[in-house]
C-alpha cells in the first residue's frame, strides 16, 4: 500500500521558495527560516559608478512565511571607498547612518510583507587612483534569526 505525505499549503509554498532560493545562490542574497517565518534579504546596487557621483543602494527585507518576524534589525556595512550619505526607510521602520554602516530597525515584519531602505552612497577615489571594487554587506537579525543566518551583499566598481 502506498502512503502519501500530506503537506499544508503554507508549508509547501515555504519549502518551494526555500528550495528555489537555495538553487539560485549566485546573487549573494540569503534566505532563512524560523518558526513559520521565512525571511529574505537583498542588496541591490549598480554594477559601477563614477567617483564623486552619488548613487542609490536599495536593501529589502521580505517575510514570505506565515509568522511575523519580531525585533528585526539590519546592519549594512560599506567597504572603502564607499560612504553612506543618507538613508530613507519604509514607513513604520527607522534607519540611520553611523560611520560606514547603516542601522535599520524593522520592528515587526508581518507575514507576507516587504520593507526596504534606500541609501544614498558615494564612492571617492584618490586622484589618479584606478577603478576599485567595493562590497556592501547586510545582515538581518531578529527573534529566532541569529547573526549570520540572513546575509546579503552586492559589489559596485568605482571608476575615475
N, C-alpha and C. Protein backbone atom coordinates (compact mmCIF):
# COMPACT_ATOMS: atom_id res chain seq x y z
N UNK A 1 0.83 -1.18 0.00
CA UNK A 1 0.00 0.00 0.00
C UNK A 1 0.89 1.25 0.00
N UNK A 2 0.58 2.18 -0.85
CA UNK A 2 1.36 3.39 -0.96
C UNK A 2 0.81 4.45 -0.01
N UNK A 3 1.71 5.14 0.69
CA UNK A 3 1.31 6.21 1.58
C UNK A 3 1.71 7.55 0.97
N UNK A 4 0.83 8.49 1.06
CA UNK A 4 1.12 9.82 0.56
C UNK A 4 1.43 10.75 1.72
N UNK A 5 2.43 11.58 1.54
CA UNK A 5 2.78 12.58 2.54
C UNK A 5 1.94 13.82 2.29
N UNK A 6 1.22 14.24 3.29
CA UNK A 6 0.38 15.44 3.17
C UNK A 6 1.11 16.62 3.78
N UNK A 7 1.19 17.69 3.03
CA UNK A 7 1.85 18.91 3.48
C UNK A 7 0.85 20.05 3.35
N UNK A 8 0.78 20.88 4.39
CA UNK A 8 -0.13 22.02 4.32
C UNK A 8 0.32 23.00 3.24
N UNK A 9 -0.62 23.73 2.71
CA UNK A 9 -0.33 24.67 1.62
C UNK A 9 0.75 25.70 2.00
N UNK A 10 0.65 26.39 3.17
CA UNK A 10 1.71 27.36 3.51
C UNK A 10 3.07 26.71 3.64
N UNK A 11 3.12 25.49 4.21
CA UNK A 11 4.38 24.80 4.34
C UNK A 11 4.94 24.44 2.97
N UNK A 12 4.09 23.98 2.07
CA UNK A 12 4.53 23.63 0.72
C UNK A 12 5.10 24.84 -0.01
N UNK A 13 4.43 25.99 0.13
CA UNK A 13 4.91 27.21 -0.51
C UNK A 13 6.26 27.60 0.07
N UNK A 14 6.39 27.55 1.40
CA UNK A 14 7.65 27.91 2.05
C UNK A 14 8.78 26.99 1.59
N UNK A 15 8.51 25.67 1.53
CA UNK A 15 9.53 24.73 1.07
C UNK A 15 9.91 24.98 -0.38
N UNK A 16 8.93 25.28 -1.22
CA UNK A 16 9.19 25.57 -2.62
C UNK A 16 10.06 26.82 -2.76
N UNK A 17 9.72 27.87 -2.03
CA UNK A 17 10.51 29.10 -2.09
C UNK A 17 11.91 28.88 -1.56
N UNK A 18 12.03 28.15 -0.46
CA UNK A 18 13.34 27.87 0.09
C UNK A 18 14.17 27.06 -0.89
N UNK A 19 13.58 26.05 -1.49
CA UNK A 19 14.30 25.23 -2.46
C UNK A 19 14.75 26.01 -3.67
N UNK A 20 13.90 26.89 -4.18
CA UNK A 20 14.29 27.68 -5.35
C UNK A 20 15.34 28.71 -5.00
N UNK A 21 15.30 29.24 -3.78
CA UNK A 21 16.30 30.22 -3.37
C UNK A 21 17.66 29.58 -3.19
N UNK A 22 17.69 28.37 -2.61
CA UNK A 22 18.95 27.68 -2.42
C UNK A 22 19.56 27.33 -3.77
N UNK A 23 18.75 27.01 -4.75
CA UNK A 23 19.25 26.64 -6.07
C UNK A 23 19.77 27.82 -6.86
N UNK A 24 19.41 29.03 -6.49
CA UNK A 24 19.81 30.23 -7.23
C UNK A 24 20.63 31.13 -6.32
N UNK A 25 21.80 30.69 -5.93
CA UNK A 25 22.58 31.43 -4.95
C UNK A 25 23.69 32.25 -5.58
N UNK A 26 23.51 32.68 -6.83
CA UNK A 26 24.55 33.44 -7.48
C UNK A 26 24.46 34.93 -7.21
N UNK A 27 23.42 35.39 -6.52
CA UNK A 27 23.26 36.81 -6.28
C UNK A 27 23.72 37.24 -4.90
N UNK A 28 24.28 36.32 -4.12
CA UNK A 28 24.80 36.59 -2.80
C UNK A 28 23.75 37.17 -1.86
N UNK A 29 22.50 36.78 -2.01
CA UNK A 29 21.43 37.14 -1.10
C UNK A 29 21.03 35.89 -0.36
N UNK A 30 20.37 36.04 0.79
CA UNK A 30 20.15 34.90 1.66
C UNK A 30 18.69 34.74 2.03
N UNK A 31 18.34 33.51 2.38
CA UNK A 31 17.01 33.15 2.86
C UNK A 31 17.20 32.38 4.16
N UNK A 32 16.39 32.68 5.16
CA UNK A 32 16.45 31.92 6.40
C UNK A 32 15.05 31.77 6.97
N UNK A 33 14.83 30.71 7.71
CA UNK A 33 13.52 30.47 8.30
C UNK A 33 13.61 30.30 9.79
N UNK A 34 12.50 30.62 10.48
CA UNK A 34 12.43 30.44 11.92
C UNK A 34 10.98 30.39 12.34
N UNK A 35 10.54 29.24 12.83
CA UNK A 35 9.21 29.10 13.43
C UNK A 35 8.07 29.64 12.58
N UNK A 36 8.02 29.32 11.31
CA UNK A 36 6.93 29.76 10.45
C UNK A 36 7.21 31.04 9.69
N UNK A 37 8.29 31.74 10.04
CA UNK A 37 8.65 32.91 9.26
C UNK A 37 9.75 32.50 8.28
N UNK A 38 9.78 33.13 7.14
CA UNK A 38 10.78 32.85 6.12
C UNK A 38 11.24 34.19 5.58
N UNK A 39 12.45 34.58 5.92
CA UNK A 39 12.95 35.91 5.58
C UNK A 39 13.94 35.84 4.43
N UNK A 40 13.85 36.83 3.54
CA UNK A 40 14.86 37.00 2.52
C UNK A 40 15.44 38.41 2.68
N UNK A 41 16.70 38.54 2.37
CA UNK A 41 17.39 39.82 2.45
C UNK A 41 18.08 40.03 1.12
N UNK A 42 17.98 41.24 0.56
CA UNK A 42 18.53 41.53 -0.76
C UNK A 42 19.19 42.90 -0.76
N UNK A 43 20.38 42.98 -1.32
CA UNK A 43 21.08 44.25 -1.52
C UNK A 43 21.18 44.48 -3.02
N UNK A 44 20.72 45.63 -3.48
CA UNK A 44 20.73 45.94 -4.91
C UNK A 44 21.47 47.26 -5.15
N UNK A 45 22.64 47.15 -5.75
CA UNK A 45 23.48 48.31 -6.07
C UNK A 45 23.83 48.27 -7.55
N UNK A 46 24.15 49.42 -8.14
CA UNK A 46 24.58 49.38 -9.54
C UNK A 46 25.91 48.63 -9.67
N UNK A 47 26.19 48.11 -10.84
CA UNK A 47 27.45 47.38 -11.02
C UNK A 47 28.65 48.32 -11.03
N UNK A 48 28.42 49.58 -11.43
CA UNK A 48 29.51 50.55 -11.44
C UNK A 48 28.97 51.96 -11.20
N UNK A 49 29.86 52.83 -10.74
CA UNK A 49 29.52 54.24 -10.51
C UNK A 49 30.78 55.07 -10.66
N UNK A 50 30.60 56.34 -10.96
CA UNK A 50 31.73 57.27 -11.09
C UNK A 50 32.12 57.83 -9.73
N UNK A 51 33.41 58.00 -9.55
CA UNK A 51 33.93 58.58 -8.32
C UNK A 51 33.33 59.98 -8.12
N UNK A 52 32.86 60.22 -6.91
CA UNK A 52 32.31 61.54 -6.56
C UNK A 52 30.86 61.75 -6.95
N UNK A 53 30.22 60.75 -7.59
CA UNK A 53 28.82 60.88 -8.02
C UNK A 53 27.96 59.97 -7.15
N UNK A 54 26.94 60.55 -6.50
CA UNK A 54 26.03 59.77 -5.66
C UNK A 54 25.29 58.72 -6.48
N UNK A 55 24.98 57.60 -5.83
CA UNK A 55 24.13 56.57 -6.43
C UNK A 55 23.29 55.95 -5.32
N UNK A 56 22.28 55.18 -5.71
CA UNK A 56 21.33 54.61 -4.77
C UNK A 56 21.59 53.12 -4.56
N UNK A 57 21.47 52.68 -3.32
CA UNK A 57 21.51 51.26 -2.96
C UNK A 57 20.20 50.96 -2.26
N UNK A 58 19.50 49.92 -2.72
CA UNK A 58 18.25 49.51 -2.08
C UNK A 58 18.47 48.20 -1.35
N UNK A 59 18.01 48.15 -0.11
CA UNK A 59 18.09 46.93 0.69
C UNK A 59 16.67 46.54 1.06
N UNK A 60 16.31 45.29 0.76
CA UNK A 60 14.96 44.78 1.00
C UNK A 60 14.99 43.64 2.01
N UNK A 61 14.05 43.67 2.93
CA UNK A 61 13.79 42.55 3.83
C UNK A 61 12.37 42.09 3.54
N UNK A 62 12.21 40.81 3.26
CA UNK A 62 10.91 40.27 2.89
C UNK A 62 10.59 39.07 3.78
N UNK A 63 9.38 39.04 4.31
CA UNK A 63 8.91 37.89 5.08
C UNK A 63 7.87 37.17 4.24
N UNK A 64 8.24 36.03 3.68
CA UNK A 64 7.32 35.24 2.86
C UNK A 64 6.72 34.08 3.64
N UNK A 65 6.96 34.06 4.96
CA UNK A 65 6.44 33.00 5.80
C UNK A 65 5.05 33.31 6.34
N UNK A 66 4.57 32.43 7.19
CA UNK A 66 3.22 32.57 7.75
C UNK A 66 3.23 33.22 9.13
N UNK A 67 4.40 33.42 9.72
CA UNK A 67 4.52 34.07 11.03
C UNK A 67 5.27 35.39 10.90
N UNK A 68 5.02 36.30 11.82
CA UNK A 68 5.72 37.58 11.83
C UNK A 68 7.18 37.40 12.24
N UNK A 69 8.02 38.31 11.77
CA UNK A 69 9.41 38.39 12.21
C UNK A 69 9.45 39.52 13.22
N UNK A 70 9.85 39.21 14.45
CA UNK A 70 9.82 40.20 15.53
C UNK A 70 11.22 40.68 15.88
N UNK A 71 11.30 41.95 16.30
CA UNK A 71 12.56 42.58 16.72
C UNK A 71 13.61 42.51 15.62
N UNK A 72 13.21 42.82 14.39
CA UNK A 72 14.11 42.75 13.24
C UNK A 72 15.06 43.94 13.19
N UNK A 73 16.32 43.66 12.95
CA UNK A 73 17.35 44.69 12.79
C UNK A 73 18.24 44.30 11.62
N UNK A 74 18.58 45.27 10.78
CA UNK A 74 19.51 45.04 9.68
C UNK A 74 20.67 46.01 9.85
N UNK A 75 21.87 45.49 9.73
CA UNK A 75 23.07 46.32 9.72
C UNK A 75 23.71 46.16 8.35
N UNK A 76 23.91 47.28 7.67
CA UNK A 76 24.56 47.28 6.35
C UNK A 76 25.90 47.99 6.49
N UNK A 77 26.95 47.37 5.99
CA UNK A 77 28.29 47.98 6.03
C UNK A 77 28.78 48.24 4.62
N UNK A 78 29.56 49.29 4.46
CA UNK A 78 30.05 49.75 3.17
C UNK A 78 31.57 49.78 3.19
N UNK A 79 32.18 48.98 2.30
CA UNK A 79 33.65 48.98 2.19
C UNK A 79 34.13 50.31 1.62
N UNK A 80 35.36 50.69 2.00
CA UNK A 80 36.00 51.86 1.40
C UNK A 80 36.19 51.56 -0.09
N UNK A 81 36.02 52.53 -0.95
CA UNK A 81 35.89 53.96 -0.74
C UNK A 81 34.44 54.45 -0.66
N UNK A 82 33.50 53.55 -0.31
CA UNK A 82 32.09 53.93 -0.26
C UNK A 82 31.77 54.66 1.04
N UNK A 83 30.90 55.65 0.94
CA UNK A 83 30.42 56.39 2.11
C UNK A 83 28.91 56.53 1.98
N UNK A 84 28.20 56.07 3.02
CA UNK A 84 26.74 56.24 3.05
C UNK A 84 26.47 57.69 3.48
N UNK A 85 25.74 58.42 2.64
CA UNK A 85 25.44 59.83 2.93
C UNK A 85 24.13 60.02 3.66
N UNK A 86 23.10 59.26 3.23
CA UNK A 86 21.78 59.40 3.85
C UNK A 86 20.99 58.12 3.62
N UNK A 87 19.90 57.98 4.39
CA UNK A 87 19.06 56.79 4.27
C UNK A 87 17.61 57.19 4.45
N UNK A 88 16.75 56.53 3.67
CA UNK A 88 15.30 56.73 3.76
C UNK A 88 14.67 55.36 3.97
N UNK A 89 13.87 55.23 5.04
CA UNK A 89 13.30 53.93 5.41
C UNK A 89 11.82 53.86 5.09
N UNK A 90 11.33 52.63 4.90
CA UNK A 90 9.91 52.37 4.71
C UNK A 90 9.12 52.89 5.91
N UNK A 91 7.85 53.27 5.69
CA UNK A 91 7.01 53.69 6.82
C UNK A 91 6.94 52.59 7.89
N UNK A 92 6.99 53.01 9.14
CA UNK A 92 6.92 52.08 10.26
C UNK A 92 8.26 51.53 10.68
N UNK A 93 9.33 51.89 9.96
CA UNK A 93 10.68 51.47 10.32
C UNK A 93 11.53 52.72 10.46
N UNK A 94 12.73 52.56 11.02
CA UNK A 94 13.64 53.70 11.14
C UNK A 94 15.05 53.24 10.80
N UNK A 95 15.84 54.16 10.26
CA UNK A 95 17.21 53.84 9.88
C UNK A 95 18.07 55.08 10.05
N UNK A 96 19.36 54.85 10.31
CA UNK A 96 20.30 55.97 10.45
C UNK A 96 21.68 55.54 9.96
N UNK A 97 22.46 56.54 9.56
CA UNK A 97 23.84 56.32 9.13
C UNK A 97 24.73 56.47 10.35
N UNK A 98 25.65 55.54 10.53
CA UNK A 98 26.60 55.59 11.64
C UNK A 98 27.96 55.14 11.11
N UNK A 99 28.84 56.10 10.83
CA UNK A 99 30.14 55.77 10.26
C UNK A 99 29.99 55.15 8.89
N UNK A 100 30.59 53.96 8.68
CA UNK A 100 30.48 53.28 7.38
C UNK A 100 29.35 52.26 7.39
N UNK A 101 28.38 52.43 8.31
CA UNK A 101 27.26 51.49 8.43
C UNK A 101 25.92 52.22 8.40
N UNK A 102 24.89 51.46 8.06
CA UNK A 102 23.51 51.91 8.20
C UNK A 102 22.84 50.93 9.15
N UNK A 103 22.19 51.47 10.17
CA UNK A 103 21.46 50.66 11.15
C UNK A 103 19.98 50.83 10.86
N UNK A 104 19.28 49.72 10.63
CA UNK A 104 17.86 49.75 10.25
C UNK A 104 17.06 48.94 11.24
N UNK A 105 16.10 49.57 11.90
CA UNK A 105 15.23 48.91 12.86
C UNK A 105 13.91 48.59 12.17
N UNK A 106 13.67 47.30 11.92
CA UNK A 106 12.45 46.86 11.26
C UNK A 106 11.27 46.74 12.22
N UNK A 107 11.55 46.54 13.51
CA UNK A 107 10.48 46.24 14.46
C UNK A 107 9.91 44.88 14.10
N UNK A 108 8.62 44.83 13.80
CA UNK A 108 7.97 43.59 13.39
C UNK A 108 7.69 43.64 11.89
N UNK A 109 8.13 42.61 11.20
CA UNK A 109 7.84 42.47 9.77
C UNK A 109 6.76 41.41 9.64
N UNK A 110 5.54 41.86 9.34
CA UNK A 110 4.40 40.95 9.26
C UNK A 110 4.61 39.89 8.19
N UNK A 111 3.88 38.79 8.33
CA UNK A 111 3.98 37.73 7.33
C UNK A 111 3.55 38.27 5.96
N UNK A 112 4.24 37.78 4.94
CA UNK A 112 3.96 38.16 3.55
C UNK A 112 4.05 39.66 3.30
N UNK A 113 5.02 40.31 3.91
CA UNK A 113 5.23 41.74 3.67
C UNK A 113 6.70 42.00 3.35
N UNK A 114 6.94 43.19 2.84
CA UNK A 114 8.28 43.63 2.43
C UNK A 114 8.53 45.00 3.01
N UNK A 115 9.76 45.25 3.39
CA UNK A 115 10.17 46.57 3.85
C UNK A 115 11.52 46.87 3.19
N UNK A 116 11.81 48.15 2.97
CA UNK A 116 13.09 48.47 2.32
C UNK A 116 13.64 49.80 2.80
N UNK A 117 14.92 49.97 2.54
CA UNK A 117 15.57 51.27 2.73
C UNK A 117 16.28 51.65 1.44
N UNK A 118 16.35 52.95 1.21
CA UNK A 118 17.13 53.50 0.10
C UNK A 118 18.27 54.28 0.71
N UNK A 119 19.49 53.91 0.33
CA UNK A 119 20.68 54.55 0.88
C UNK A 119 21.37 55.32 -0.24
N UNK A 120 21.63 56.61 -0.02
CA UNK A 120 22.42 57.42 -0.96
C UNK A 120 23.88 57.21 -0.59
N UNK A 121 24.67 56.79 -1.58
CA UNK A 121 26.06 56.42 -1.37
C UNK A 121 26.93 57.15 -2.38
N UNK A 122 28.16 57.43 -1.98
CA UNK A 122 29.15 57.98 -2.91
C UNK A 122 30.44 57.20 -2.73
N UNK A 123 31.14 56.98 -3.82
CA UNK A 123 32.47 56.36 -3.79
C UNK A 123 33.48 57.42 -4.18
N UNK A 124 34.53 57.56 -3.39
CA UNK A 124 35.54 58.60 -3.65
C UNK A 124 36.91 57.96 -3.84
N UNK A 125 37.43 58.06 -5.06
CA UNK A 125 38.78 57.58 -5.35
C UNK A 125 39.77 58.74 -5.18
N UNK A 126 40.98 58.40 -4.81
CA UNK A 126 42.04 59.40 -4.74
C UNK A 126 42.41 59.82 -6.16
N UNK A 127 42.98 61.02 -6.33
CA UNK A 127 43.39 61.44 -7.67
C UNK A 127 44.34 60.40 -8.30
N UNK A 128 44.09 60.06 -9.54
CA UNK A 128 44.87 59.10 -10.33
C UNK A 128 44.73 57.66 -9.85
N UNK A 129 43.85 57.38 -8.89
CA UNK A 129 43.62 56.01 -8.45
C UNK A 129 42.80 55.27 -9.51
N UNK A 130 43.17 54.02 -9.83
CA UNK A 130 42.41 53.26 -10.83
C UNK A 130 41.06 52.80 -10.27
N UNK A 131 40.25 52.22 -11.13
CA UNK A 131 38.95 51.68 -10.70
C UNK A 131 39.15 50.71 -9.54
N UNK A 132 38.14 50.66 -8.69
CA UNK A 132 38.24 49.84 -7.49
C UNK A 132 36.86 49.30 -7.13
N UNK A 133 36.81 48.02 -6.77
CA UNK A 133 35.54 47.40 -6.36
C UNK A 133 35.37 47.50 -4.85
N UNK A 134 34.12 47.63 -4.43
CA UNK A 134 33.79 47.69 -3.00
C UNK A 134 32.50 46.91 -2.77
N UNK A 135 32.40 46.30 -1.61
CA UNK A 135 31.25 45.46 -1.29
C UNK A 135 30.36 46.12 -0.25
N UNK A 136 29.07 45.92 -0.44
CA UNK A 136 28.06 46.36 0.53
C UNK A 136 27.48 45.07 1.11
N UNK A 137 27.54 44.93 2.44
CA UNK A 137 27.05 43.73 3.11
C UNK A 137 25.92 44.10 4.06
N UNK A 138 24.88 43.28 4.09
CA UNK A 138 23.77 43.49 5.01
C UNK A 138 23.51 42.20 5.77
N UNK A 139 23.11 42.35 7.03
CA UNK A 139 22.81 41.20 7.87
C UNK A 139 21.54 41.48 8.66
N UNK A 140 20.61 40.52 8.63
CA UNK A 140 19.35 40.61 9.36
C UNK A 140 19.43 39.73 10.60
N UNK A 141 19.07 40.31 11.74
CA UNK A 141 18.89 39.54 12.96
C UNK A 141 17.49 39.83 13.49
N UNK A 142 16.92 38.89 14.19
CA UNK A 142 15.57 39.05 14.75
C UNK A 142 15.36 37.94 15.77
N UNK A 143 14.21 37.98 16.41
CA UNK A 143 13.86 36.91 17.33
C UNK A 143 13.84 35.60 16.56
N UNK A 144 14.74 34.67 16.90
CA UNK A 144 14.82 33.39 16.20
C UNK A 144 15.70 33.39 14.97
N UNK A 145 16.23 34.54 14.56
CA UNK A 145 17.14 34.63 13.42
C UNK A 145 18.47 35.16 13.95
N UNK A 146 19.45 34.30 14.04
CA UNK A 146 20.73 34.65 14.64
C UNK A 146 21.66 35.35 13.66
N UNK A 147 22.66 35.98 14.20
CA UNK A 147 23.68 36.64 13.40
C UNK A 147 24.30 35.63 12.43
N UNK A 148 24.36 36.00 11.16
CA UNK A 148 24.93 35.13 10.13
C UNK A 148 23.91 34.26 9.42
N UNK A 149 22.67 34.18 9.94
CA UNK A 149 21.65 33.35 9.30
C UNK A 149 21.09 33.99 8.03
N UNK A 150 20.95 35.30 8.01
CA UNK A 150 20.40 36.00 6.85
C UNK A 150 21.34 37.14 6.47
N UNK A 151 22.12 36.92 5.43
CA UNK A 151 23.09 37.92 4.96
C UNK A 151 22.93 38.11 3.46
N UNK A 152 23.32 39.28 3.00
CA UNK A 152 23.27 39.58 1.57
C UNK A 152 24.38 40.57 1.25
N UNK A 153 24.82 40.58 0.02
CA UNK A 153 25.84 41.54 -0.39
C UNK A 153 25.73 41.83 -1.88
N UNK A 154 26.35 42.93 -2.27
CA UNK A 154 26.46 43.31 -3.67
C UNK A 154 27.76 44.09 -3.81
N UNK A 155 28.33 44.08 -5.00
CA UNK A 155 29.59 44.76 -5.25
C UNK A 155 29.40 45.82 -6.33
N UNK A 156 30.03 46.96 -6.10
CA UNK A 156 30.00 48.05 -7.07
C UNK A 156 31.46 48.43 -7.39
N UNK A 157 31.71 48.72 -8.67
CA UNK A 157 33.04 49.18 -9.09
C UNK A 157 33.01 50.69 -9.21
N UNK A 158 33.89 51.36 -8.50
CA UNK A 158 34.01 52.81 -8.56
C UNK A 158 35.06 53.13 -9.61
N UNK A 159 34.66 53.95 -10.60
CA UNK A 159 35.55 54.30 -11.70
C UNK A 159 35.96 55.77 -11.60
N UNK A 160 37.17 56.10 -12.07
CA UNK A 160 37.61 57.52 -12.03
C UNK A 160 36.71 58.42 -12.85
